[in-house]
Amino acid sequence: MPGQPNGFTPAKLSTLAKWSEEHMAAIFEAVTEEDAMKAIANTFPDDVRATLNGSPLPRPMIDKLVSIMRPGPQGGLKVHWKEQAEVPKDPSHRNGAFGGFYYITGLRKPHPETGEIVPFIRYKTVTVKIDSMSEDLSYDSRMITELVFVASDKPAE
């Protein structure tokens, strides 16, 4: 970029929506539990402010909830986005807000009436604040610093 010392070029960042899609897929569609936990660590800082269905959700509980959702050691979850809205605070998409609705398939839970283990779908509406965690523009340091989501599970039909 002209005017930058030593030929410095800021990292070209994806849109907030694309970043969110990629990070949610990395978390929920991870093949291994270790990969899922790494994806969470790359998406949420330890001090993320989060709520689930109106109740506070400390960062360690995010790890636990994802771990519980996984149908087995090899994963099997799939994220399907339906709606998205993004509002970047700057043209580089380093900071901003994102909201969306998606559902996750591949869950297996006891049916509320029969107790039989059956496929479920988790429906989620999320609003997040995404912030760059570093002043260094040479890499993508974005993370979700605030998260509000509403989630419910329903048997797949």
C-alpha atoms as a PDB file:
ATOM      1  CA  MET A   1       0.000   0.000   0.000  1.00  0.00           C
ATOM      2  CA  PRO A   2       1.513   3.361  -0.942  1.00  0.00           C
ATOM      3  CA  GLY A   3       2.721   5.373   2.016  1.00  0.00           C
ATOM      4  CA  GLN A   4       3.249   2.294   4.195  1.00  0.00           C
ATOM      5  CA  PRO A   5       6.808   1.637   5.438  1.00  0.00           C
ATOM      6  CA  ASN A   6       8.863  -1.212   3.938  1.00  0.00           C
ATOM      7  CA  GLY A   7       6.171  -2.120   1.401  1.00  0.00           C
ATOM      8  CA  PHE A   8       3.722  -3.088   4.163  1.00  0.00           C
ATOM      9  CA  THR A   9       0.387  -4.324   2.858  1.00  0.00           C
ATOM     10  CA  PRO A  10      -2.581  -4.818   5.192  1.00  0.00           C
ATOM     11  CA  ALA A  11      -4.178  -8.253   5.114  1.00  0.00           C
ATOM     12  CA  LYS A  12      -7.158  -8.461   2.730  1.00  0.00           C
ATOM     13  CA  LEU A  13     -10.050  -9.564   4.908  1.00  0.00           C
ATOM     14  CA  SER A  14     -13.195 -11.420   3.985  1.00  0.00           C
ATOM     15  CA  THR A  15     -16.589  -9.894   4.764  1.00  0.00           C
ATOM     16  CA  LEU A  16     -17.981 -10.314   8.269  1.00  0.00           C
ATOM     17  CA  ALA A  17     -20.585 -12.729   6.885  1.00  0.00           C
ATOM     18  CA  LYS A  18     -17.984 -14.894   5.122  1.00  0.00           C
ATOM     19  CA  TRP A  19     -15.746 -14.853   8.206  1.00  0.00           C
ATOM     20  CA  SER A  20     -18.699 -15.919  10.382  1.00  0.00           C
ATOM     21  CA  GLU A  21     -19.684 -18.717   7.993  1.00  0.00           C
ATOM     22  CA  GLU A  22     -16.128 -20.054   7.946  1.00  0.00           C
ATOM     23  CA  HIS A  23     -15.709 -19.895  11.718  1.00  0.00           C
ATOM     24  CA  MET A  24     -19.051 -21.541  12.518  1.00  0.00           C
ATOM     25  CA  ALA A  25     -18.294 -24.325  10.023  1.00  0.00           C
ATOM     26  CA  ALA A  26     -14.837 -24.803  11.575  1.00  0.00           C
ATOM     27  CA  ILE A  27     -16.415 -25.162  15.028  1.00  0.00           C
ATOM     28  CA  PHE A  28     -19.438 -27.333  14.293  1.00  0.00           C
ATOM     29  CA  GLU A  29     -18.214 -29.306  11.274  1.00  0.00           C
ATOM     30  CA  ALA A  30     -14.787 -30.128  12.722  1.00  0.00           C
ATOM     31  CA  VAL A  31     -13.828 -33.756  12.237  1.00  0.00           C
ATOM     32  CA  THR A  32     -12.182 -34.079  15.655  1.00  0.00           C
ATOM     33  CA  GLU A  33     -13.000 -32.659  19.067  1.00  0.00           C
ATOM     34  CA  GLU A  34      -9.494 -31.150  19.181  1.00  0.00           C
ATOM     35  CA  ASP A  35     -10.141 -29.285  15.911  1.00  0.00           C
ATOM     36  CA  ALA A  36     -13.487 -28.028  17.250  1.00  0.00           C
ATOM     37  CA  MET A  37     -11.835 -26.709  20.431  1.00  0.00           C
ATOM     38  CA  LYS A  38      -9.079 -24.990  18.388  1.00  0.00           C
ATOM     39  CA  ALA A  39     -11.751 -23.378  16.201  1.00  0.00           C
ATOM     40  CA  ILE A  40     -13.560 -22.078  19.303  1.00  0.00           C
ATOM     41  CA  ALA A  41     -10.281 -20.631  20.633  1.00  0.00           C
ATOM     42  CA  ASN A  42      -9.728 -18.918  17.254  1.00  0.00           C
ATOM     43  CA  THR A  43     -13.251 -17.450  17.279  1.00  0.00           C
ATOM     44  CA  PHE A  44     -13.937 -16.351  20.873  1.00  0.00           C
ATOM     45  CA  PRO A  45     -11.572 -14.659  23.336  1.00  0.00           C
ATOM     46  CA  ASP A  46     -11.586 -15.972  26.908  1.00  0.00           C
ATOM     47  CA  ASP A  47     -13.474 -12.869  28.035  1.00  0.00           C
ATOM     48  CA  VAL A  48     -16.259 -13.056  25.410  1.00  0.00           C
ATOM     49  CA  ARG A  49     -19.556 -11.629  26.639  1.00  0.00           C
ATOM     50  CA  ALA A  50     -22.160 -14.212  25.673  1.00  0.00           C
ATOM     51  CA  THR A  51     -25.734 -15.192  26.431  1.00  0.00           C
ATOM     52  CA  LEU A  52     -27.734 -18.262  25.441  1.00  0.00           C
ATOM     53  CA  ASN A  53     -31.516 -17.960  25.550  1.00  0.00           C
ATOM     54  CA  GLY A  54     -31.167 -14.942  27.856  1.00  0.00           C
ATOM     55  CA  SER A  55     -28.770 -16.541  30.369  1.00  0.00           C
ATOM     56  CA  PRO A  56     -25.076 -15.683  30.726  1.00  0.00           C
ATOM     57  CA  LEU A  57     -22.778 -18.114  28.932  1.00  0.00           C
ATOM     58  CA  PRO A  58     -19.164 -18.121  30.159  1.00  0.00           C
ATOM     59  CA  ARG A  59     -16.538 -19.074  27.561  1.00  0.00           C
ATOM     60  CA  PRO A  60     -15.843 -22.556  29.085  1.00  0.00           C
ATOM     61  CA  MET A  61     -19.546 -23.372  28.614  1.00  0.00           C
ATOM     62  CA  ILE A  62     -19.262 -22.652  24.883  1.00  0.00           C
ATOM     63  CA  ASP A  63     -16.619 -25.401  24.691  1.00  0.00           C
ATOM     64  CA  LYS A  64     -18.831 -27.762  26.702  1.00  0.00           C
ATOM     65  CA  LEU A  65     -21.971 -27.088  24.640  1.00  0.00           C
ATOM     66  CA  VAL A  66     -20.141 -27.780  21.370  1.00  0.00           C
ATOM     67  CA  SER A  67     -18.601 -30.934  22.808  1.00  0.00           C
ATOM     68  CA  ILE A  68     -22.017 -32.224  23.936  1.00  0.00           C
ATOM     69  CA  MET A  69     -23.569 -31.500  20.526  1.00  0.00           C
ATOM     70  CA  ARG A  70     -21.039 -33.604  18.638  1.00  0.00           C
ATOM     71  CA  PRO A  71     -22.652 -36.926  17.655  1.00  0.00           C
ATOM     72  CA  GLY A  72     -19.357 -38.823  17.872  1.00  0.00           C
ATOM     73  CA  PRO A  73     -15.579 -38.561  17.802  1.00  0.00           C
ATOM     74  CA  GLN A  74     -15.592 -38.004  14.027  1.00  0.00           C
ATOM     75  CA  GLY A  75     -18.058 -35.132  14.082  1.00  0.00           C
ATOM     76  CA  GLY A  76     -21.025 -35.232  11.747  1.00  0.00           C
ATOM     77  CA  LEU A  77     -22.642 -31.836  12.281  1.00  0.00           C
ATOM     78  CA  LYS A  78     -23.497 -29.534   9.363  1.00  0.00           C
ATOM     79  CA  VAL A  79     -24.289 -25.793   9.448  1.00  0.00           C
ATOM     80  CA  HIS A  80     -26.957 -24.440   7.057  1.00  0.00           C
ATOM     81  CA  TRP A  81     -27.262 -20.632   6.838  1.00  0.00           C
ATOM     82  CA  LYS A  82     -30.680 -19.155   6.005  1.00  0.00           C
ATOM     83  CA  GLU A  83     -30.379 -15.383   6.618  1.00  0.00           C
ATOM     84  CA  GLN A  84     -27.520 -12.978   7.302  1.00  0.00           C
ATOM     85  CA  ALA A  85     -26.996  -9.277   7.905  1.00  0.00           C
ATOM     86  CA  GLU A  86     -23.656  -7.554   8.398  1.00  0.00           C
ATOM     87  CA  VAL A  87     -22.654  -4.010   9.263  1.00  0.00           C
ATOM     88  CA  PRO A  88     -18.911  -3.388   9.057  1.00  0.00           C
ATOM     89  CA  LYS A  89     -17.586  -0.388  11.015  1.00  0.00           C
ATOM     90  CA  ASP A  90     -14.893   0.209   8.414  1.00  0.00           C
ATOM     91  CA  PRO A  91     -14.283  -0.632   4.736  1.00  0.00           C
ATOM     92  CA  SER A  92     -11.687  -3.261   5.681  1.00  0.00           C
ATOM     93  CA  HIS A  93     -14.263  -5.347   7.629  1.00  0.00           C
ATOM     94  CA  ARG A  94     -11.922  -5.439  10.669  1.00  0.00           C
ATOM     95  CA  ASN A  95     -14.724  -4.590  13.090  1.00  0.00           C
ATOM     96  CA  GLY A  96     -18.479  -4.643  12.993  1.00  0.00           C
ATOM     97  CA  ALA A  97     -21.697  -6.455  13.728  1.00  0.00           C
ATOM     98  CA  PHE A  98     -23.216  -9.562  12.219  1.00  0.00           C
ATOM     99  CA  GLY A  99     -26.531 -11.312  12.662  1.00  0.00           C
ATOM    100  CA  GLY A 100     -27.934 -14.455  11.190  1.00  0.00           C
ATOM    101  CA  PHE A 101     -30.193 -17.441  11.343  1.00  0.00           C
ATOM    102  CA  TYR A 102     -28.893 -20.939  10.749  1.00  0.00           C
ATOM    103  CA  TYR A 103     -29.665 -24.479  11.656  1.00  0.00           C
ATOM    104  CA  ILE A 104     -27.407 -27.411  12.469  1.00  0.00           C
ATOM    105  CA  THR A 105     -28.120 -30.968  11.382  1.00  0.00           C
ATOM    106  CA  GLY A 106     -26.477 -34.146  12.617  1.00  0.00           C
ATOM    107  CA  LEU A 107     -27.495 -33.938  16.270  1.00  0.00           C
ATOM    108  CA  ARG A 108     -28.782 -37.101  17.954  1.00  0.00           C
ATOM    109  CA  LYS A 109     -30.814 -36.866  21.134  1.00  0.00           C
ATOM    110  CA  PRO A 110     -33.539 -38.732  22.992  1.00  0.00           C
ATOM    111  CA  HIS A 111     -36.985 -37.948  21.612  1.00  0.00           C
ATOM    112  CA  PRO A 112     -38.985 -36.087  24.302  1.00  0.00           C
ATOM    113  CA  GLU A 113     -41.950 -38.466  24.006  1.00  0.00           C
ATOM    114  CA  THR A 114     -40.383 -41.870  23.265  1.00  0.00           C
ATOM    115  CA  GLY A 115     -36.858 -41.562  24.686  1.00  0.00           C
ATOM    116  CA  GLU A 116     -35.541 -43.142  21.491  1.00  0.00           C
ATOM    117  CA  ILE A 117     -32.310 -41.563  20.157  1.00  0.00           C
ATOM    118  CA  VAL A 118     -33.334 -39.748  16.977  1.00  0.00           C
ATOM    119  CA  PRO A 119     -31.947 -37.011  14.701  1.00  0.00           C
ATOM    120  CA  PHE A 120     -32.550 -33.432  15.873  1.00  0.00           C
ATOM    121  CA  ILE A 121     -32.087 -30.035  14.269  1.00  0.00           C
ATOM    122  CA  ARG A 122     -30.795 -27.068  16.284  1.00  0.00           C
ATOM    123  CA  TYR A 123     -32.208 -23.726  15.131  1.00  0.00           C
ATOM    124  CA  LYS A 124     -30.105 -20.668  16.048  1.00  0.00           C
ATOM    125  CA  THR A 125     -30.462 -16.929  15.742  1.00  0.00           C
ATOM    126  CA  VAL A 126     -27.253 -15.042  16.528  1.00  0.00           C
ATOM    127  CA  THR A 127     -26.113 -11.456  16.821  1.00  0.00           C
ATOM    128  CA  VAL A 128     -22.436 -10.804  17.352  1.00  0.00           C
ATOM    129  CA  LYS A 129     -19.907  -8.030  17.657  1.00  0.00           C
ATOM    130  CA  ILE A 130     -16.693  -8.808  15.807  1.00  0.00           C
ATOM    131  CA  ASP A 131     -13.537  -6.952  16.779  1.00  0.00           C
ATOM    132  CA  SER A 132      -9.966  -7.013  15.581  1.00  0.00           C
ATOM    133  CA  MET A 133      -7.846  -8.112  18.539  1.00  0.00           C
ATOM    134  CA  SER A 134      -4.620  -6.487  17.323  1.00  0.00           C
ATOM    135  CA  GLU A 135      -3.481  -3.187  15.842  1.00  0.00           C
ATOM    136  CA  ASP A 136      -1.235  -5.180  13.486  1.00  0.00           C
ATOM    137  CA  LEU A 137      -2.959  -4.977  10.095  1.00  0.00           C
ATOM    138  CA  SER A 138      -0.765  -7.652   8.497  1.00  0.00           C
ATOM    139  CA  TYR A 139      -3.001 -10.509   9.692  1.00  0.00           C
ATOM    140  CA  ASP A 140      -6.623 -11.254  10.520  1.00  0.00           C
ATOM    141  CA  SER A 141      -7.073 -11.014  14.287  1.00  0.00           C
ATOM    142  CA  ARG A 142     -10.886 -10.804  14.337  1.00  0.00           C
ATOM    143  CA  MET A 143     -12.843 -12.534  17.081  1.00  0.00           C
ATOM    144  CA  ILE A 144     -16.397 -12.514  18.355  1.00  0.00           C
ATOM    145  CA  THR A 145     -16.277 -10.367  21.491  1.00  0.00           C
ATOM    146  CA  GLU A 146     -20.022 -10.254  22.148  1.00  0.00           C
ATOM    147  CA  LEU A 147     -22.549 -12.965  21.345  1.00  0.00           C
ATOM    148  CA  VAL A 148     -26.281 -13.217  21.894  1.00  0.00           C
ATOM    149  CA  PHE A 149     -27.983 -16.326  20.630  1.00  0.00           C
ATOM    150  CA  VAL A 150     -31.274 -18.064  20.905  1.00  0.00           C
ATOM    151  CA  ALA A 151     -31.277 -21.788  20.208  1.00  0.00           C
ATOM    152  CA  SER A 152     -33.857 -24.546  20.253  1.00  0.00           C
ATOM    153  CA  ASP A 153     -33.784 -28.199  19.239  1.00  0.00           C
ATOM    154  CA  LYS A 154     -36.540 -30.010  17.408  1.00  0.00           C
ATOM    155  CA  PRO A 155     -36.739 -33.596  16.216  1.00  0.00           C
ATOM    156  CA  ALA A 156     -35.914 -33.878  12.507  1.00  0.00           C
ATOM    157  CA  GLU A 157     -38.921 -34.954  10.475  1.00  0.00           C
END
